[in-house]
């Protein structure tokens, strides 16, 4: 048993990773966005949607194969949380640096609200037993439905072992096994305090 929240075998570890990332960001005060249709909750940092995804040779092409993941490319940011929600009437006039009053253009405001968030893809390369690397990149869905990754870089890799230590170890597929040296020990007598 993998100890997963879901009953999908090895694939459930990736869903657990999504949930763990969401919980970690939420516990630090970051907001989240729910993606349709599957309802995954993803963290939002600044105006970026963070999606943790398993790495493989075709990471970019496989990512857009799901309607839920595709919906991440068009996710619009949630309005900023405020104690008192403003209305359009409250936006009224504002005073700029020159001291003149200006009224915001409603089309500019609506365009800013409708701009989709940037999707940051966090790519985790691992096997069922070992984490191998973590990379991140900006993911963009082009007109053809293909995902392009920009600025991909590694943010974690395991430390390399010292070369001298590994060279002295024999391979398991060659050589002859050496039996361990076993010595008999004297047993204590029946009247011993041990």
N, C-alpha and C. Protein backbone atom coordinates (compact mmCIF):
# COMPACT_ATOMS: atom_id res chain seq x y z
N UNK A 1 0.85 -1.18 0.00
CA UNK A 1 0.00 0.00 0.00
C UNK A 1 0.89 1.24 0.00
N UNK A 2 0.61 2.18 -0.87
CA UNK A 2 1.46 3.36 -1.03
C UNK A 2 1.16 4.45 -0.01
N UNK A 3 0.10 4.35 0.74
CA UNK A 3 -0.24 5.39 1.70
C UNK A 3 -0.83 6.62 1.01
N UNK A 4 -1.35 6.45 -0.18
CA UNK A 4 -1.90 7.55 -0.96
C UNK A 4 -3.33 7.87 -0.52
N UNK A 5 -3.76 9.07 -0.85
CA UNK A 5 -5.15 9.46 -0.60
C UNK A 5 -6.08 8.89 -1.66
N UNK A 6 -5.51 8.41 -2.75
CA UNK A 6 -6.29 7.94 -3.88
C UNK A 6 -5.92 6.49 -4.19
N UNK A 7 -6.81 5.78 -4.86
CA UNK A 7 -6.59 4.37 -5.16
C UNK A 7 -6.26 4.17 -6.64
N UNK A 8 -5.21 4.86 -7.12
CA UNK A 8 -4.84 4.76 -8.53
C UNK A 8 -3.46 4.14 -8.72
N UNK A 9 -2.89 3.51 -7.72
CA UNK A 9 -1.56 2.93 -7.86
C UNK A 9 -0.48 3.99 -7.91
N UNK A 10 0.51 3.78 -8.80
CA UNK A 10 1.64 4.72 -8.90
C UNK A 10 1.17 6.11 -9.32
N UNK A 11 0.15 6.19 -10.16
CA UNK A 11 -0.37 7.48 -10.60
C UNK A 11 -0.91 8.32 -9.47
N UNK A 12 -1.35 7.69 -8.40
CA UNK A 12 -1.90 8.45 -7.27
C UNK A 12 -0.83 9.27 -6.57
N UNK A 13 0.43 8.85 -6.68
CA UNK A 13 1.51 9.63 -6.07
C UNK A 13 1.59 11.01 -6.69
N UNK A 14 1.31 11.12 -7.99
CA UNK A 14 1.35 12.43 -8.65
C UNK A 14 0.18 13.29 -8.22
N UNK A 15 -0.98 12.69 -8.03
CA UNK A 15 -2.13 13.46 -7.53
C UNK A 15 -1.86 13.90 -6.10
N UNK A 16 -1.24 13.03 -5.29
CA UNK A 16 -0.85 13.41 -3.94
C UNK A 16 0.13 14.58 -3.97
N UNK A 17 1.06 14.56 -4.93
CA UNK A 17 2.04 15.64 -5.05
C UNK A 17 1.35 16.97 -5.36
N UNK A 18 0.34 16.95 -6.24
CA UNK A 18 -0.44 18.16 -6.51
C UNK A 18 -1.11 18.67 -5.24
N UNK A 19 -1.74 17.75 -4.50
CA UNK A 19 -2.42 18.13 -3.26
C UNK A 19 -1.43 18.64 -2.21
N UNK A 20 -0.28 17.99 -2.10
CA UNK A 20 0.73 18.43 -1.13
C UNK A 20 1.26 19.82 -1.47
N UNK A 21 1.47 20.08 -2.77
CA UNK A 21 1.94 21.41 -3.19
C UNK A 21 0.89 22.46 -2.86
N UNK A 22 -0.37 22.15 -3.13
CA UNK A 22 -1.45 23.09 -2.81
C UNK A 22 -1.51 23.38 -1.32
N UNK A 23 -1.44 22.33 -0.50
CA UNK A 23 -1.50 22.51 0.96
C UNK A 23 -0.30 23.30 1.48
N UNK A 24 0.88 23.05 0.93
CA UNK A 24 2.08 23.77 1.38
C UNK A 24 1.97 25.25 1.07
N UNK A 25 1.51 25.59 -0.12
CA UNK A 25 1.37 27.01 -0.47
C UNK A 25 0.23 27.65 0.32
N UNK A 26 -0.89 26.92 0.49
CA UNK A 26 -2.03 27.47 1.23
C UNK A 26 -1.66 27.73 2.69
N UNK A 27 -0.84 26.87 3.28
CA UNK A 27 -0.44 27.06 4.68
C UNK A 27 0.46 28.28 4.84
N UNK A 28 1.05 28.74 3.75
CA UNK A 28 1.90 29.94 3.78
C UNK A 28 1.15 31.19 3.31
N UNK A 29 -0.17 31.06 3.14
CA UNK A 29 -1.00 32.22 2.83
C UNK A 29 -1.23 32.49 1.36
N UNK A 30 -0.82 31.60 0.47
CA UNK A 30 -1.06 31.83 -0.95
C UNK A 30 -2.45 31.35 -1.32
N UNK A 31 -3.02 31.98 -2.31
CA UNK A 31 -4.36 31.63 -2.78
C UNK A 31 -4.27 30.43 -3.72
N UNK A 32 -5.42 29.89 -4.09
CA UNK A 32 -5.44 28.76 -5.01
C UNK A 32 -6.53 28.96 -6.05
N UNK A 33 -6.41 28.20 -7.12
CA UNK A 33 -7.35 28.25 -8.23
C UNK A 33 -7.82 26.83 -8.50
N UNK A 34 -9.10 26.66 -8.74
CA UNK A 34 -9.66 25.34 -9.02
C UNK A 34 -9.81 25.19 -10.53
N UNK A 35 -9.22 24.12 -11.08
CA UNK A 35 -9.29 23.88 -12.52
C UNK A 35 -10.45 22.95 -12.85
N UNK A 36 -11.22 23.31 -13.86
CA UNK A 36 -12.30 22.45 -14.34
C UNK A 36 -11.71 21.52 -15.39
N UNK A 37 -12.24 20.38 -15.68
CA UNK A 37 -13.38 19.75 -15.06
C UNK A 37 -13.04 18.87 -13.86
N UNK A 38 -11.78 18.52 -13.64
CA UNK A 38 -11.45 17.57 -12.56
C UNK A 38 -11.45 18.21 -11.19
N UNK A 39 -11.33 19.52 -11.10
CA UNK A 39 -11.39 20.20 -9.81
C UNK A 39 -10.09 20.23 -9.04
N UNK A 40 -8.95 20.06 -9.72
CA UNK A 40 -7.66 20.15 -9.02
C UNK A 40 -7.49 21.57 -8.50
N UNK A 41 -7.01 21.69 -7.27
CA UNK A 41 -6.73 23.00 -6.69
C UNK A 41 -5.23 23.24 -6.80
N UNK A 42 -4.86 24.33 -7.48
CA UNK A 42 -3.46 24.65 -7.72
C UNK A 42 -3.11 25.97 -7.04
N UNK A 43 -1.90 26.07 -6.52
CA UNK A 43 -1.49 27.33 -5.87
C UNK A 43 -1.27 28.44 -6.90
N UNK A 44 -1.54 29.67 -6.44
CA UNK A 44 -1.31 30.86 -7.25
C UNK A 44 -0.30 31.72 -6.51
N UNK A 45 0.82 32.00 -7.16
CA UNK A 45 1.86 32.85 -6.58
C UNK A 45 1.99 34.06 -7.49
N UNK A 46 1.74 35.25 -6.95
CA UNK A 46 1.71 36.44 -7.79
C UNK A 46 0.57 36.28 -8.77
N UNK A 47 0.85 36.34 -10.03
CA UNK A 47 -0.17 36.07 -11.05
C UNK A 47 0.19 34.82 -11.84
N UNK A 48 0.84 33.86 -11.17
CA UNK A 48 1.27 32.62 -11.81
C UNK A 48 0.58 31.42 -11.17
N UNK A 49 0.09 30.55 -12.01
CA UNK A 49 -0.51 29.30 -11.58
C UNK A 49 0.60 28.25 -11.54
N UNK A 50 0.77 27.56 -10.42
CA UNK A 50 1.85 26.59 -10.25
C UNK A 50 1.28 25.18 -10.42
N UNK A 51 1.80 24.43 -11.41
CA UNK A 51 1.35 23.07 -11.66
C UNK A 51 2.54 22.13 -11.54
N UNK A 52 2.47 21.18 -10.61
CA UNK A 52 3.53 20.19 -10.42
C UNK A 52 3.20 18.99 -11.30
N UNK A 53 4.17 18.59 -12.14
CA UNK A 53 3.92 17.55 -13.15
C UNK A 53 5.10 16.60 -13.22
N UNK A 54 4.83 15.34 -13.51
CA UNK A 54 5.90 14.35 -13.63
C UNK A 54 6.66 14.55 -14.94
N UNK A 55 7.97 14.42 -14.84
CA UNK A 55 8.81 14.61 -16.01
C UNK A 55 9.04 13.32 -16.76
N UNK A 56 9.13 13.42 -18.08
CA UNK A 56 9.51 12.31 -18.94
C UNK A 56 10.03 12.88 -20.24
N UNK A 57 10.30 12.04 -21.21
CA UNK A 57 10.88 12.52 -22.47
C UNK A 57 9.94 13.48 -23.22
N UNK A 58 8.64 13.26 -23.12
CA UNK A 58 7.67 14.10 -23.82
C UNK A 58 6.84 14.92 -22.84
N UNK A 59 7.48 15.55 -21.89
CA UNK A 59 6.76 16.31 -20.88
C UNK A 59 5.85 17.35 -21.52
N UNK A 60 6.36 18.10 -22.45
CA UNK A 60 5.58 19.18 -23.06
C UNK A 60 4.39 18.63 -23.85
N UNK A 61 4.58 17.59 -24.64
CA UNK A 61 3.48 17.09 -25.46
C UNK A 61 2.44 16.35 -24.62
N UNK A 62 2.85 15.67 -23.58
CA UNK A 62 1.90 14.93 -22.74
C UNK A 62 1.10 15.85 -21.82
N UNK A 63 1.63 17.00 -21.50
CA UNK A 63 0.95 17.86 -20.53
C UNK A 63 -0.40 18.34 -21.04
N UNK A 64 -0.52 18.66 -22.30
CA UNK A 64 -1.77 19.20 -22.84
C UNK A 64 -2.77 18.12 -23.23
N UNK A 65 -2.53 16.87 -22.87
CA UNK A 65 -3.43 15.79 -23.27
C UNK A 65 -4.68 15.71 -22.41
N UNK A 66 -4.78 16.49 -21.36
CA UNK A 66 -5.93 16.44 -20.46
C UNK A 66 -6.71 17.76 -20.53
N UNK A 67 -8.04 17.69 -20.56
CA UNK A 67 -8.83 18.92 -20.55
C UNK A 67 -8.60 19.76 -19.29
N UNK A 68 -8.35 19.09 -18.17
CA UNK A 68 -8.09 19.83 -16.93
C UNK A 68 -6.79 20.61 -17.03
N UNK A 69 -5.74 19.97 -17.52
CA UNK A 69 -4.47 20.68 -17.66
C UNK A 69 -4.56 21.77 -18.72
N UNK A 70 -5.32 21.55 -19.78
CA UNK A 70 -5.51 22.58 -20.80
C UNK A 70 -6.22 23.80 -20.22
N UNK A 71 -7.12 23.58 -19.28
CA UNK A 71 -7.84 24.72 -18.69
C UNK A 71 -6.92 25.61 -17.87
N UNK A 72 -5.76 25.11 -17.46
CA UNK A 72 -4.80 25.93 -16.73
C UNK A 72 -4.22 27.05 -17.57
N UNK A 73 -4.21 26.88 -18.91
CA UNK A 73 -3.66 27.91 -19.78
C UNK A 73 -4.60 29.11 -19.93
N UNK A 74 -5.87 28.91 -19.67
CA UNK A 74 -6.82 30.01 -19.80
C UNK A 74 -7.36 30.49 -18.47
N UNK A 75 -6.78 30.02 -17.37
CA UNK A 75 -7.29 30.40 -16.05
C UNK A 75 -7.06 31.89 -15.81
N UNK A 76 -8.14 32.58 -15.46
CA UNK A 76 -8.02 34.01 -15.17
C UNK A 76 -7.84 34.18 -13.67
N UNK A 77 -7.08 35.19 -13.27
CA UNK A 77 -6.83 35.37 -11.84
C UNK A 77 -8.09 35.74 -11.08
N UNK A 78 -8.14 35.28 -9.86
CA UNK A 78 -9.24 35.66 -8.98
C UNK A 78 -9.05 37.11 -8.58
N UNK A 79 -10.14 37.82 -8.32
CA UNK A 79 -9.97 39.20 -7.86
C UNK A 79 -9.26 39.21 -6.51
N UNK A 80 -8.52 40.28 -6.25
CA UNK A 80 -7.80 40.39 -4.99
C UNK A 80 -8.79 40.40 -3.82
N UNK A 81 -8.45 39.69 -2.78
CA UNK A 81 -9.29 39.65 -1.59
C UNK A 81 -9.19 40.99 -0.86
N UNK A 82 -10.34 41.55 -0.51
CA UNK A 82 -10.37 42.83 0.20
C UNK A 82 -11.36 42.73 1.34
N UNK A 83 -11.13 43.52 2.35
CA UNK A 83 -12.07 43.53 3.47
C UNK A 83 -13.43 44.05 3.03
N UNK A 84 -13.41 45.14 2.28
CA UNK A 84 -14.64 45.71 1.76
C UNK A 84 -14.52 45.70 0.25
N UNK A 85 -15.41 44.97 -0.41
CA UNK A 85 -15.34 44.85 -1.85
C UNK A 85 -15.73 46.18 -2.50
N UNK A 86 -14.90 46.71 -3.40
CA UNK A 86 -15.25 47.96 -4.06
C UNK A 86 -16.25 47.73 -5.19
N UNK A 87 -17.02 48.74 -5.48
CA UNK A 87 -17.92 48.68 -6.63
C UNK A 87 -17.33 49.57 -7.71
N UNK A 88 -17.91 49.55 -8.91
CA UNK A 88 -17.41 50.42 -9.97
C UNK A 88 -17.54 51.88 -9.58
N UNK A 89 -18.56 52.22 -8.77
CA UNK A 89 -18.74 53.61 -8.34
C UNK A 89 -17.58 54.06 -7.45
N UNK A 90 -16.98 53.14 -6.69
CA UNK A 90 -15.87 53.48 -5.81
C UNK A 90 -14.59 53.75 -6.58
N UNK A 91 -14.52 53.31 -7.85
CA UNK A 91 -13.30 53.49 -8.61
C UNK A 91 -13.12 54.93 -9.04
N UNK A 92 -14.21 55.65 -9.14
CA UNK A 92 -14.25 57.08 -9.42
C UNK A 92 -12.96 57.71 -9.87
N UNK A 93 -12.67 58.84 -9.30
CA UNK A 93 -11.49 59.60 -9.69
C UNK A 93 -10.31 59.23 -8.82
N UNK A 94 -9.13 59.26 -9.40
CA UNK A 94 -7.91 59.05 -8.64
C UNK A 94 -6.96 60.20 -8.96
N UNK A 95 -6.07 60.50 -8.04
CA UNK A 95 -5.13 61.60 -8.23
C UNK A 95 -3.78 61.00 -8.58
N UNK A 96 -3.23 61.41 -9.73
CA UNK A 96 -1.92 60.89 -10.12
C UNK A 96 -0.80 61.76 -9.56
N UNK A 97 0.44 61.46 -9.92
CA UNK A 97 1.60 62.16 -9.36
C UNK A 97 1.62 63.65 -9.67
N UNK A 98 1.06 64.04 -10.80
CA UNK A 98 1.07 65.46 -11.18
C UNK A 98 0.00 66.25 -10.45
N UNK A 99 -0.86 65.59 -9.70
CA UNK A 99 -1.91 66.26 -8.96
C UNK A 99 -3.22 66.34 -9.72
N UNK A 100 -3.24 65.85 -10.96
CA UNK A 100 -4.46 65.88 -11.75
C UNK A 100 -5.28 64.63 -11.47
N UNK A 101 -6.59 64.78 -11.60
CA UNK A 101 -7.47 63.64 -11.37
C UNK A 101 -7.65 62.88 -12.67
N UNK A 102 -7.79 61.57 -12.54
CA UNK A 102 -8.02 60.74 -13.72
C UNK A 102 -9.02 59.65 -13.38
N UNK A 103 -9.79 59.28 -14.38
CA UNK A 103 -10.77 58.21 -14.22
C UNK A 103 -10.24 57.01 -14.99
N UNK A 104 -10.18 55.82 -14.35
CA UNK A 104 -9.66 54.65 -15.07
C UNK A 104 -10.58 54.26 -16.22
N UNK A 105 -9.98 53.80 -17.30
CA UNK A 105 -10.72 53.35 -18.46
C UNK A 105 -11.30 51.96 -18.15
N UNK A 106 -12.62 51.79 -18.23
CA UNK A 106 -13.22 50.47 -17.91
C UNK A 106 -12.69 49.34 -18.79
N UNK A 107 -12.39 49.63 -20.08
CA UNK A 107 -11.85 48.57 -20.94
C UNK A 107 -10.49 48.10 -20.47
N UNK A 108 -9.66 49.03 -19.97
CA UNK A 108 -8.34 48.66 -19.45
C UNK A 108 -8.49 47.77 -18.22
N UNK A 109 -9.42 48.14 -17.35
CA UNK A 109 -9.66 47.36 -16.14
C UNK A 109 -10.16 45.96 -16.50
N UNK A 110 -11.11 45.87 -17.42
CA UNK A 110 -11.66 44.56 -17.80
C UNK A 110 -10.62 43.72 -18.53
N UNK A 111 -9.74 44.33 -19.35
CA UNK A 111 -8.69 43.59 -20.04
C UNK A 111 -7.73 42.99 -19.03
N UNK A 112 -7.40 43.74 -17.98
CA UNK A 112 -6.49 43.22 -16.95
C UNK A 112 -7.11 42.06 -16.20
N UNK A 113 -8.42 42.11 -15.99
CA UNK A 113 -9.10 41.02 -15.29
C UNK A 113 -9.16 39.78 -16.17
N UNK A 114 -9.34 39.96 -17.49
CA UNK A 114 -9.49 38.82 -18.39
C UNK A 114 -8.17 38.20 -18.84
N UNK A 115 -7.03 38.83 -18.59
CA UNK A 115 -5.75 38.25 -18.99
C UNK A 115 -5.51 36.96 -18.22
N UNK A 116 -5.19 35.86 -18.92
CA UNK A 116 -4.95 34.61 -18.20
C UNK A 116 -3.65 34.66 -17.41
N UNK A 117 -3.61 33.83 -16.38
CA UNK A 117 -2.41 33.74 -15.55
C UNK A 117 -1.31 32.99 -16.30
N UNK A 118 -0.09 33.27 -15.94
CA UNK A 118 1.05 32.53 -16.47
C UNK A 118 1.07 31.16 -15.80
N UNK A 119 1.29 30.10 -16.58
CA UNK A 119 1.35 28.75 -16.03
C UNK A 119 2.82 28.37 -15.83
N UNK A 120 3.21 28.17 -14.59
CA UNK A 120 4.57 27.72 -14.27
C UNK A 120 4.49 26.22 -14.04
N UNK A 121 5.20 25.49 -14.88
CA UNK A 121 5.20 24.03 -14.80
C UNK A 121 6.42 23.59 -14.01
N UNK A 122 6.18 22.92 -12.88
CA UNK A 122 7.26 22.37 -12.06
C UNK A 122 7.36 20.90 -12.43
N UNK A 123 8.48 20.51 -13.03
CA UNK A 123 8.65 19.17 -13.59
C UNK A 123 9.48 18.34 -12.62
N UNK A 124 8.89 17.26 -12.11
CA UNK A 124 9.55 16.39 -11.15
C UNK A 124 9.91 15.09 -11.84
N UNK A 125 11.21 14.80 -11.94
CA UNK A 125 11.69 13.54 -12.50
C UNK A 125 12.01 12.60 -11.35
N UNK A 126 11.34 11.44 -11.34
CA UNK A 126 11.60 10.49 -10.27
C UNK A 126 11.19 9.10 -10.70
N UNK A 127 11.64 8.15 -9.91
CA UNK A 127 11.20 6.77 -10.03
C UNK A 127 10.35 6.51 -8.78
N UNK A 128 9.72 5.35 -8.69
CA UNK A 128 8.94 5.09 -7.48
C UNK A 128 9.77 5.12 -6.20
N UNK A 129 11.09 5.01 -6.31
CA UNK A 129 11.92 4.95 -5.11
C UNK A 129 12.84 6.14 -4.91
N UNK A 130 13.05 6.98 -5.95
CA UNK A 130 14.07 8.02 -5.80
C UNK A 130 13.71 9.27 -6.60
N UNK A 131 13.86 10.42 -5.96
CA UNK A 131 13.72 11.70 -6.63
C UNK A 131 15.01 11.97 -7.40
N UNK A 132 14.88 12.31 -8.69
CA UNK A 132 16.06 12.49 -9.53
C UNK A 132 16.36 13.95 -9.83
N UNK A 133 15.34 14.77 -10.08
CA UNK A 133 15.56 16.19 -10.32
C UNK A 133 14.24 16.94 -10.30
N UNK A 134 14.33 18.25 -10.11
CA UNK A 134 13.17 19.13 -10.19
C UNK A 134 13.56 20.30 -11.08
N UNK A 135 12.72 20.57 -12.08
CA UNK A 135 12.95 21.69 -12.99
C UNK A 135 11.68 22.53 -13.05
N UNK A 136 11.83 23.74 -13.56
CA UNK A 136 10.63 24.54 -13.79
C UNK A 136 10.77 25.31 -15.08
N UNK A 137 9.61 25.70 -15.63
CA UNK A 137 9.58 26.44 -16.89
C UNK A 137 8.23 27.13 -17.01
N UNK A 138 8.19 28.14 -17.86
CA UNK A 138 6.93 28.78 -18.21
C UNK A 138 6.33 27.97 -19.35
N UNK A 139 5.09 27.52 -19.18
CA UNK A 139 4.42 26.71 -20.20
C UNK A 139 3.42 27.58 -20.96
N UNK A 140 3.48 27.50 -22.29
CA UNK A 140 2.59 28.27 -23.15
C UNK A 140 1.96 27.31 -24.15
N UNK A 141 0.65 27.40 -24.31
CA UNK A 141 -0.08 26.58 -25.28
C UNK A 141 -0.21 27.39 -26.57
N UNK A 142 0.37 26.87 -27.67
CA UNK A 142 0.31 27.62 -28.93
C UNK A 142 -1.00 27.34 -29.67
N UNK A 143 -1.16 27.97 -30.84
CA UNK A 143 -2.41 27.84 -31.61
C UNK A 143 -2.66 26.41 -32.07
N UNK A 144 -1.60 25.64 -32.26
CA UNK A 144 -1.72 24.25 -32.71
C UNK A 144 -2.04 23.29 -31.57
N UNK A 145 -2.13 23.79 -30.34
CA UNK A 145 -2.42 22.93 -29.20
C UNK A 145 -1.19 22.26 -28.61
N UNK A 146 -0.02 22.71 -29.01
CA UNK A 146 1.24 22.17 -28.48
C UNK A 146 1.75 23.05 -27.35
N UNK A 147 2.36 22.42 -26.37
CA UNK A 147 2.91 23.16 -25.23
C UNK A 147 4.37 23.49 -25.52
N UNK A 148 4.72 24.74 -25.35
CA UNK A 148 6.11 25.20 -25.47
C UNK A 148 6.60 25.56 -24.08
N UNK A 149 7.81 25.12 -23.73
CA UNK A 149 8.39 25.45 -22.43
C UNK A 149 9.47 26.50 -22.63
N UNK A 150 9.39 27.59 -21.86
CA UNK A 150 10.35 28.68 -21.96
C UNK A 150 11.08 28.85 -20.64
N UNK A 151 12.38 29.08 -20.73
CA UNK A 151 13.19 29.34 -19.54
C UNK A 151 13.35 28.13 -18.64
N UNK A 152 13.31 26.94 -19.20
CA UNK A 152 13.41 25.72 -18.38
C UNK A 152 14.78 25.65 -17.72
N UNK A 153 14.77 25.46 -16.41
CA UNK A 153 16.02 25.31 -15.67
C UNK A 153 15.82 24.41 -14.47
N UNK A 154 16.90 23.82 -14.03
CA UNK A 154 16.87 22.91 -12.90
C UNK A 154 16.89 23.71 -11.59
N UNK A 155 16.02 23.33 -10.67
CA UNK A 155 16.02 23.99 -9.36
C UNK A 155 16.46 23.04 -8.26
N UNK A 156 16.58 21.73 -8.58
CA UNK A 156 17.12 20.77 -7.61
C UNK A 156 17.64 19.55 -8.36
N UNK A 157 18.82 19.10 -7.96
CA UNK A 157 19.41 17.85 -8.45
C UNK A 157 20.12 17.20 -7.28
N UNK A 158 20.22 15.86 -7.26
CA UNK A 158 20.93 15.21 -6.16
C UNK A 158 22.41 15.54 -6.21
N UNK A 159 23.03 15.53 -5.05
CA UNK A 159 24.47 15.76 -5.00
C UNK A 159 25.18 14.56 -5.61
N UNK A 160 26.21 14.84 -6.39
CA UNK A 160 26.95 13.75 -7.03
C UNK A 160 27.85 13.07 -6.01
N UNK A 161 27.94 11.74 -6.11
CA UNK A 161 28.82 10.98 -5.22
C UNK A 161 30.27 11.20 -5.64
N UNK A 162 31.17 11.06 -4.71
CA UNK A 162 32.59 11.21 -5.00
C UNK A 162 33.02 10.06 -5.90
N UNK A 163 33.72 10.37 -6.98
CA UNK A 163 34.10 9.37 -7.97
C UNK A 163 35.01 8.31 -7.37
N UNK A 164 35.94 8.66 -6.51
CA UNK A 164 36.87 7.71 -5.92
C UNK A 164 36.18 6.64 -5.10
N UNK A 165 35.08 6.97 -4.44
CA UNK A 165 34.37 6.00 -3.62
C UNK A 165 33.68 4.96 -4.49
N UNK A 166 33.09 5.37 -5.58
CA UNK A 166 32.34 4.44 -6.42
C UNK A 166 33.26 3.53 -7.23
N UNK A 167 34.48 3.94 -7.52
CA UNK A 167 35.35 3.13 -8.36
C UNK A 167 35.88 1.89 -7.64
N UNK A 168 35.87 1.85 -6.32
CA UNK A 168 36.38 0.71 -5.57
C UNK A 168 35.34 -0.38 -5.35
N UNK A 169 34.12 -0.15 -5.73
CA UNK A 169 33.05 -1.09 -5.51
C UNK A 169 32.93 -2.01 -6.72
N UNK A 170 32.86 -3.34 -6.45
CA UNK A 170 32.72 -4.30 -7.54
C UNK A 170 31.27 -4.37 -7.97
N UNK A 171 31.07 -4.69 -9.23
CA UNK A 171 29.74 -4.86 -9.76
C UNK A 171 29.14 -6.15 -9.21
N UNK A 172 27.83 -6.20 -9.08
CA UNK A 172 27.17 -7.39 -8.58
C UNK A 172 27.15 -8.52 -9.61
N UNK A 173 27.33 -8.21 -10.87
CA UNK A 173 27.23 -9.24 -11.90
C UNK A 173 28.57 -9.91 -12.23
N UNK A 174 29.63 -9.57 -11.51
CA UNK A 174 30.92 -10.22 -11.78
C UNK A 174 31.65 -10.46 -10.46
N UNK A 175 32.67 -11.31 -10.50
CA UNK A 175 33.45 -11.61 -9.30
C UNK A 175 32.89 -12.81 -8.55
N UNK A 176 33.58 -13.18 -7.49
CA UNK A 176 33.13 -14.30 -6.66
C UNK A 176 32.79 -13.78 -5.28
N UNK A 177 31.71 -14.28 -4.73
CA UNK A 177 31.32 -13.81 -3.41
C UNK A 177 32.32 -14.27 -2.35
N UNK A 178 32.52 -13.46 -1.36
CA UNK A 178 33.42 -13.78 -0.26
C UNK A 178 32.56 -14.05 0.97
N UNK A 179 32.78 -15.22 1.56
CA UNK A 179 32.00 -15.57 2.75
C UNK A 179 32.49 -14.76 3.94
N UNK A 180 31.59 -14.31 4.80
CA UNK A 180 32.03 -13.56 5.97
C UNK A 180 32.74 -14.47 6.97
N UNK A 181 33.67 -13.90 7.71
CA UNK A 181 34.41 -14.66 8.72
C UNK A 181 33.53 -14.73 9.96
N UNK A 182 33.27 -15.97 10.39
CA UNK A 182 32.45 -16.17 11.58
C UNK A 182 33.28 -16.92 12.61
N UNK A 183 33.37 -16.40 13.81
CA UNK A 183 34.11 -17.05 14.88
C UNK A 183 33.14 -17.44 15.99
N UNK A 184 33.37 -18.61 16.53
CA UNK A 184 32.56 -19.04 17.66
C UNK A 184 32.98 -18.27 18.90
N UNK A 185 32.02 -17.94 19.72
CA UNK A 185 32.33 -17.24 20.96
C UNK A 185 32.08 -18.18 22.13
N UNK A 186 32.82 -17.96 23.20
CA UNK A 186 32.64 -18.75 24.40
C UNK A 186 31.32 -18.38 25.05
N UNK A 187 30.58 -19.40 25.41
CA UNK A 187 29.33 -19.13 26.11
C UNK A 187 29.62 -19.00 27.59
N UNK A 188 28.83 -18.20 28.23
CA UNK A 188 28.99 -18.04 29.67
C UNK A 188 28.38 -19.25 30.37
N UNK A 189 28.85 -19.49 31.54
CA UNK A 189 28.38 -20.63 32.32
C UNK A 189 26.95 -20.44 32.80
N UNK A 190 26.35 -21.53 33.34
CA UNK A 190 24.95 -21.47 33.78
C UNK A 190 24.77 -20.58 35.02
N UNK A 191 25.83 -20.30 35.77
CA UNK A 191 25.69 -19.50 36.99
C UNK A 191 26.05 -18.04 36.75
N UNK A 192 26.06 -17.64 35.55
CA UNK A 192 26.45 -16.27 35.21
C UNK A 192 25.33 -15.29 35.56
N UNK A 193 25.69 -14.07 35.88
CA UNK A 193 24.70 -13.03 36.19
C UNK A 193 24.09 -12.43 34.93
N UNK A 194 24.60 -12.76 33.80
CA UNK A 194 24.13 -12.18 32.55
C UNK A 194 22.85 -12.75 32.17
